[in-house]
Structure formats: structure tokens, C-alpha cells
């Protein structure tokens, strides 16, 4: 096993621990988020995203990493988001939290995980037959928001971080 895989496993275990400690792998917390009544998931994820943005852009600017930006294709991104959202709403858990729920003994999560694998296999099987028009609808290539706006990535990061911190403060004040 390579060092990268071992590091990934360790980071995954740590992340799973925090998922469980924050209770974001609980069905009621997930449903509360979808109903905009419980912001636990947002309060858990926003600080993680802030740390990731700062870390990734710092390492990028120092030449320690390269960014591999996936193509922005609106047709498939929107369709994928709709399918993901429907699955999340029906199942009550997303893929990461489903694994955490199963890990702490919520056996019903196994059915959703099996469904995810069946859905992925079905997509892989049907991929050659998918409508080619959808695969290129709104294809903007490998661009980031900073590229589209023609500004430095730290400006976009700063706006996101400021907004995220403002949301976190708002959620706390409202008791969400």
C-alpha cells in the first residue's frame, strides 16, 4: 500500500470520527438541513471548506501542488445535482454520512449504500448510450470562478470565507 493511500485512509478515519462527533450522520440532522431547520451540517462543513481553501491555495501559490480543474459542463452538472439531491432526499443521507451511519451501526444505511453502487454501475453501463447533446450542453471547459471573473483566486476565496463566517455567525445567533 502506498504512502498516499495510507495518508488518505488516516485522514478518512479522522474525518469520519468528526462526522460522527458532530452528529451529521444522523437521519434527523440530514432532514433538518433539507428543511433548513438544522444547520449542523453547514456549521460542520463550512469551517472544513474554509481550511481547505486556505490550505490548497497556499500550497498552490507555493508551487507544492497543481490544480486539476474538472471541466464545467452545466448540462451534466445540473442533472447530476438533481439526481444527487433526489437520492439524498429519499434516503436521508449523502454518501459520506451513509458510510458514517453504517459504521456506527445504522444498518438501514446499507440499503442506500447498495443503491449508490447499483446507480453508479447502471450509469457506467449506460454511459456510452447517453445523449451526446447533454454531455456538451453548457461546456465551458476547465475554468474556475476566478478565471471566469478574471480575478485572483484569493479574492474569490476571501469573498467565500467572509460569507461563510457571516453565515456561521447568523446560524449561531438564530440558534440553528
Foldseek 3Di string as FASTA:
>chain_A
DDPVVVVVVVVLVVVLVVCVVLVVLPLVQLVCVVVVNHCSVLLSVLVVVLVVLVVVVVCVVVVNDDDDFFWDQPLVVVVVVVVQVVLCVVLSGHVSSLVSCVVVPPVSSVVSVVVVVVVVVVCVVCVVVPDVCSVRHRTPTRDDPCRVVVHDPVVVSVVSSVVSVVVSVVCVVVVD
